[in-house]
Every structure is written in structure tokens, then in C-alpha cells.
């Protein structure tokens, strides 16, 4: 076994919340919820994360990953920002988008909903 380790770059993190004029889509990465209701950042597109894993917990093949993320426009040139409740699923989405699908300019909003939802100055879309 080789002692060399391949390295994966750490997700680029936004040091602040996405602005109201963020260039590019914001992806709300979260577990599927009963009734599909949840507060979220305005204009965020809900992308359930469960579809990226197979029954054994491994990442799906590239064509299946693209299908699992069809709720998001992955073809546009604008960057993407992922967020979730506290950052874990957003980091998984970052990994899938950048390392498995080859997408560049993807950032993780590391404060995620835990930060956004606490600031009463931030707009919230209720569904």
C-alpha cells in the first residue's frame, strides 16, 4: 500500500452570509421533509441530499448524481453556494459538485441556516 495520500481541497467557505444580490444560485441542501415545508433563504433551490448516495451509502455514478441534483441549474456559468442546517450536508453537496461532477466556483455557506435564521435582518422565505 502506498504511503502517498491523495488530498481533496477544503471547501471554499463564504465568510459571511450570501448577499441579497449574490451572483449565482443558492442551493438549500437538506433532508427531505414531510410536506416539503421549511423556511429558507429567498430564491434558494431545495436539493435533497439523499439522492447522491446508493443503498450501500456510496456516492452514485456521475450520470446518476446529475439526475439526483436536477432541482438545481448546474449548467449555468454562475457560481453556486450551498447551505443546510449547520453545514454538514452543504459540505457533502460541495464535494459532489466539485470533486465528482467537476463543477468549479462552488462555495459552502459555513454559517448555514443556523446563522442566517438567527439574524432578524435577513430575509426569510416561508413555504
C-alpha atoms as a PDB file:
ATOM      1  CA  UNK A   1       0.000   0.000   0.000  1.00  0.00           C
ATOM      2  CA  UNK A   2       1.403   3.399  -0.963  1.00  0.00           C
ATOM      3  CA  UNK A   3       2.187   5.872   1.779  1.00  0.00           C
ATOM      4  CA  UNK A   4       1.143   8.740  -0.501  1.00  0.00           C
ATOM      5  CA  UNK A   5      -2.250  10.189   0.238  1.00  0.00           C
ATOM      6  CA  UNK A   6      -4.407  11.955  -2.252  1.00  0.00           C
ATOM      7  CA  UNK A   7      -5.730  15.207  -0.944  1.00  0.00           C
ATOM      8  CA  UNK A   8      -9.016  16.887  -1.557  1.00  0.00           C
ATOM      9  CA  UNK A   9      -9.030  20.646  -1.222  1.00  0.00           C
ATOM     10  CA  UNK A  10     -11.072  22.015   1.643  1.00  0.00           C
ATOM     11  CA  UNK A  11     -14.381  23.586   0.636  1.00  0.00           C
ATOM     12  CA  UNK A  12     -14.151  27.283  -0.026  1.00  0.00           C
ATOM     13  CA  UNK A  13     -16.294  28.896   2.621  1.00  0.00           C
ATOM     14  CA  UNK A  14     -18.147  32.136   2.497  1.00  0.00           C
ATOM     15  CA  UNK A  15     -17.028  34.140   5.495  1.00  0.00           C
ATOM     16  CA  UNK A  16     -20.350  35.911   5.524  1.00  0.00           C
ATOM     17  CA  UNK A  17     -23.903  35.184   4.561  1.00  0.00           C
ATOM     18  CA  UNK A  18     -24.860  35.240   0.884  1.00  0.00           C
ATOM     19  CA  UNK A  19     -25.893  38.757  -0.078  1.00  0.00           C
ATOM     20  CA  UNK A  20     -29.297  39.573  -1.489  1.00  0.00           C
ATOM     21  CA  UNK A  21     -27.546  40.188  -4.804  1.00  0.00           C
ATOM     22  CA  UNK A  22     -25.431  37.025  -4.750  1.00  0.00           C
ATOM     23  CA  UNK A  23     -24.245  36.200  -8.241  1.00  0.00           C
ATOM     24  CA  UNK A  24     -25.413  32.653  -8.700  1.00  0.00           C
ATOM     25  CA  UNK A  25     -27.937  30.236  -7.291  1.00  0.00           C
ATOM     26  CA  UNK A  26     -28.121  29.339  -3.638  1.00  0.00           C
ATOM     27  CA  UNK A  27     -28.780  25.657  -3.007  1.00  0.00           C
ATOM     28  CA  UNK A  28     -30.657  24.683   0.131  1.00  0.00           C
ATOM     29  CA  UNK A  29     -29.300  21.211   0.780  1.00  0.00           C
ATOM     30  CA  UNK A  30     -31.397  19.402   3.340  1.00  0.00           C
ATOM     31  CA  UNK A  31     -33.111  16.196   4.181  1.00  0.00           C
ATOM     32  CA  UNK A  32     -36.427  15.613   2.514  1.00  0.00           C
ATOM     33  CA  UNK A  33     -39.137  16.808   4.884  1.00  0.00           C
ATOM     34  CA  UNK A  34     -42.686  15.665   5.312  1.00  0.00           C
ATOM     35  CA  UNK A  35     -44.847  18.056   3.363  1.00  0.00           C
ATOM     36  CA  UNK A  36     -41.744  19.740   1.924  1.00  0.00           C
ATOM     37  CA  UNK A  37     -42.226  22.814   4.123  1.00  0.00           C
ATOM     38  CA  UNK A  38     -39.310  24.752   5.554  1.00  0.00           C
ATOM     39  CA  UNK A  39     -38.141  28.313   5.906  1.00  0.00           C
ATOM     40  CA  UNK A  40     -35.227  29.148   3.627  1.00  0.00           C
ATOM     41  CA  UNK A  41     -33.058  31.851   2.099  1.00  0.00           C
ATOM     42  CA  UNK A  42     -35.134  33.613  -0.607  1.00  0.00           C
ATOM     43  CA  UNK A  43     -34.500  32.246  -4.102  1.00  0.00           C
ATOM     44  CA  UNK A  44     -32.779  29.144  -2.728  1.00  0.00           C
ATOM     45  CA  UNK A  45     -33.432  25.937  -4.627  1.00  0.00           C
ATOM     46  CA  UNK A  46     -34.137  22.888  -2.459  1.00  0.00           C
ATOM     47  CA  UNK A  47     -31.907  19.951  -3.352  1.00  0.00           C
ATOM     48  CA  UNK A  48     -32.462  16.783  -1.295  1.00  0.00           C
ATOM     49  CA  UNK A  49     -29.106  15.227  -0.471  1.00  0.00           C
ATOM     50  CA  UNK A  50     -30.325  11.646  -0.083  1.00  0.00           C
ATOM     51  CA  UNK A  51     -30.275  11.075  -3.853  1.00  0.00           C
ATOM     52  CA  UNK A  52     -26.484  11.269  -4.094  1.00  0.00           C
ATOM     53  CA  UNK A  53     -25.918   8.015  -2.195  1.00  0.00           C
ATOM     54  CA  UNK A  54     -26.777   4.476  -3.206  1.00  0.00           C
ATOM     55  CA  UNK A  55     -28.259   1.809  -0.911  1.00  0.00           C
ATOM     56  CA  UNK A  56     -24.810   0.979   0.461  1.00  0.00           C
ATOM     57  CA  UNK A  57     -24.019   4.597   1.337  1.00  0.00           C
ATOM     58  CA  UNK A  58     -21.576   5.122  -1.539  1.00  0.00           C
ATOM     59  CA  UNK A  59     -21.753   8.002  -3.962  1.00  0.00           C
ATOM     60  CA  UNK A  60     -23.707   7.197  -7.103  1.00  0.00           C
ATOM     61  CA  UNK A  61     -22.162   7.200 -10.572  1.00  0.00           C
ATOM     62  CA  UNK A  62     -21.742  10.573 -12.279  1.00  0.00           C
ATOM     63  CA  UNK A  63     -24.841  10.337 -14.532  1.00  0.00           C
ATOM     64  CA  UNK A  64     -26.975   9.370 -11.529  1.00  0.00           C
ATOM     65  CA  UNK A  65     -25.546  12.242  -9.472  1.00  0.00           C
ATOM     66  CA  UNK A  66     -26.524  14.732 -12.164  1.00  0.00           C
ATOM     67  CA  UNK A  67     -30.069  13.321 -12.128  1.00  0.00           C
ATOM     68  CA  UNK A  68     -30.200  13.476  -8.321  1.00  0.00           C
ATOM     69  CA  UNK A  69     -29.388  17.196  -8.479  1.00  0.00           C
ATOM     70  CA  UNK A  70     -31.809  18.117 -11.278  1.00  0.00           C
ATOM     71  CA  UNK A  71     -33.581  20.591  -8.998  1.00  0.00           C
ATOM     72  CA  UNK A  72     -30.593  22.895  -9.420  1.00  0.00           C
ATOM     73  CA  UNK A  73     -29.398  24.546 -12.613  1.00  0.00           C
ATOM     74  CA  UNK A  74     -25.907  23.106 -12.772  1.00  0.00           C
ATOM     75  CA  UNK A  75     -25.284  24.147 -16.364  1.00  0.00           C
ATOM     76  CA  UNK A  76     -25.066  27.906 -15.838  1.00  0.00           C
ATOM     77  CA  UNK A  77     -21.770  29.752 -15.546  1.00  0.00           C
ATOM     78  CA  UNK A  78     -22.620  31.443 -12.240  1.00  0.00           C
ATOM     79  CA  UNK A  79     -21.144  30.101  -9.034  1.00  0.00           C
ATOM     80  CA  UNK A  80     -23.160  28.092  -6.538  1.00  0.00           C
ATOM     81  CA  UNK A  81     -23.465  28.487  -2.779  1.00  0.00           C
ATOM     82  CA  UNK A  82     -24.595  25.506  -0.742  1.00  0.00           C
ATOM     83  CA  UNK A  83     -26.087  25.666   2.744  1.00  0.00           C
ATOM     84  CA  UNK A  84     -28.086  23.430   5.049  1.00  0.00           C
ATOM     85  CA  UNK A  85     -28.947  23.459   8.749  1.00  0.00           C
ATOM     86  CA  UNK A  86     -25.404  23.564  10.163  1.00  0.00           C
ATOM     87  CA  UNK A  87     -23.058  22.838   7.230  1.00  0.00           C
ATOM     88  CA  UNK A  88     -22.635  19.050   7.020  1.00  0.00           C
ATOM     89  CA  UNK A  89     -24.923  18.353   4.074  1.00  0.00           C
ATOM     90  CA  UNK A  90     -23.741  21.559   2.373  1.00  0.00           C
ATOM     91  CA  UNK A  91     -20.165  20.218   2.516  1.00  0.00           C
ATOM     92  CA  UNK A  92     -21.336  16.907   1.033  1.00  0.00           C
ATOM     93  CA  UNK A  93     -23.019  18.815  -1.794  1.00  0.00           C
ATOM     94  CA  UNK A  94     -19.796  20.779  -2.320  1.00  0.00           C
ATOM     95  CA  UNK A  95     -17.864  17.507  -2.599  1.00  0.00           C
ATOM     96  CA  UNK A  96     -20.323  16.036  -5.103  1.00  0.00           C
ATOM     97  CA  UNK A  97     -20.444  19.196  -7.211  1.00  0.00           C
ATOM     98  CA  UNK A  98     -16.708  19.883  -7.295  1.00  0.00           C
ATOM     99  CA  UNK A  99     -14.973  16.531  -6.950  1.00  0.00           C
ATOM    100  CA  UNK A 100     -17.415  14.159  -8.625  1.00  0.00           C
ATOM    101  CA  UNK A 101     -19.174  16.406 -11.145  1.00  0.00           C
ATOM    102  CA  UNK A 102     -16.226  18.718 -11.866  1.00  0.00           C
ATOM    103  CA  UNK A 103     -18.073  21.957 -11.143  1.00  0.00           C
ATOM    104  CA  UNK A 104     -15.904  24.943 -10.254  1.00  0.00           C
ATOM    105  CA  UNK A 105     -16.898  28.041  -8.286  1.00  0.00           C
ATOM    106  CA  UNK A 106     -18.912  26.270  -5.594  1.00  0.00           C
ATOM    107  CA  UNK A 107     -18.821  27.665  -2.069  1.00  0.00           C
ATOM    108  CA  UNK A 108     -20.205  26.450   1.237  1.00  0.00           C
ATOM    109  CA  UNK A 109     -22.023  28.995   3.379  1.00  0.00           C
ATOM    110  CA  UNK A 110     -20.432  27.695   6.553  1.00  0.00           C
ATOM    111  CA  UNK A 111     -22.793  29.544   8.889  1.00  0.00           C
ATOM    112  CA  UNK A 112     -25.681  27.883   7.077  1.00  0.00           C
ATOM    113  CA  UNK A 113     -29.245  28.218   8.348  1.00  0.00           C
ATOM    114  CA  UNK A 114     -28.028  28.249  11.970  1.00  0.00           C
ATOM    115  CA  UNK A 115     -26.528  31.693  11.278  1.00  0.00           C
ATOM    116  CA  UNK A 116     -28.958  33.030   8.654  1.00  0.00           C
ATOM    117  CA  UNK A 117     -32.100  32.206  10.611  1.00  0.00           C
ATOM    118  CA  UNK A 118     -30.874  33.904  13.792  1.00  0.00           C
ATOM    119  CA  UNK A 119     -30.375  37.299  12.161  1.00  0.00           C
ATOM    120  CA  UNK A 120     -33.728  39.083  12.027  1.00  0.00           C
ATOM    121  CA  UNK A 121     -32.348  41.444   9.357  1.00  0.00           C
ATOM    122  CA  UNK A 122     -32.030  38.548   6.888  1.00  0.00           C
ATOM    123  CA  UNK A 123     -34.987  37.905   4.594  1.00  0.00           C
ATOM    124  CA  UNK A 124     -36.690  34.558   5.029  1.00  0.00           C
ATOM    125  CA  UNK A 125     -38.995  32.827   2.593  1.00  0.00           C
ATOM    126  CA  UNK A 126     -41.646  30.708   4.249  1.00  0.00           C
ATOM    127  CA  UNK A 127     -43.221  27.875   2.297  1.00  0.00           C
END
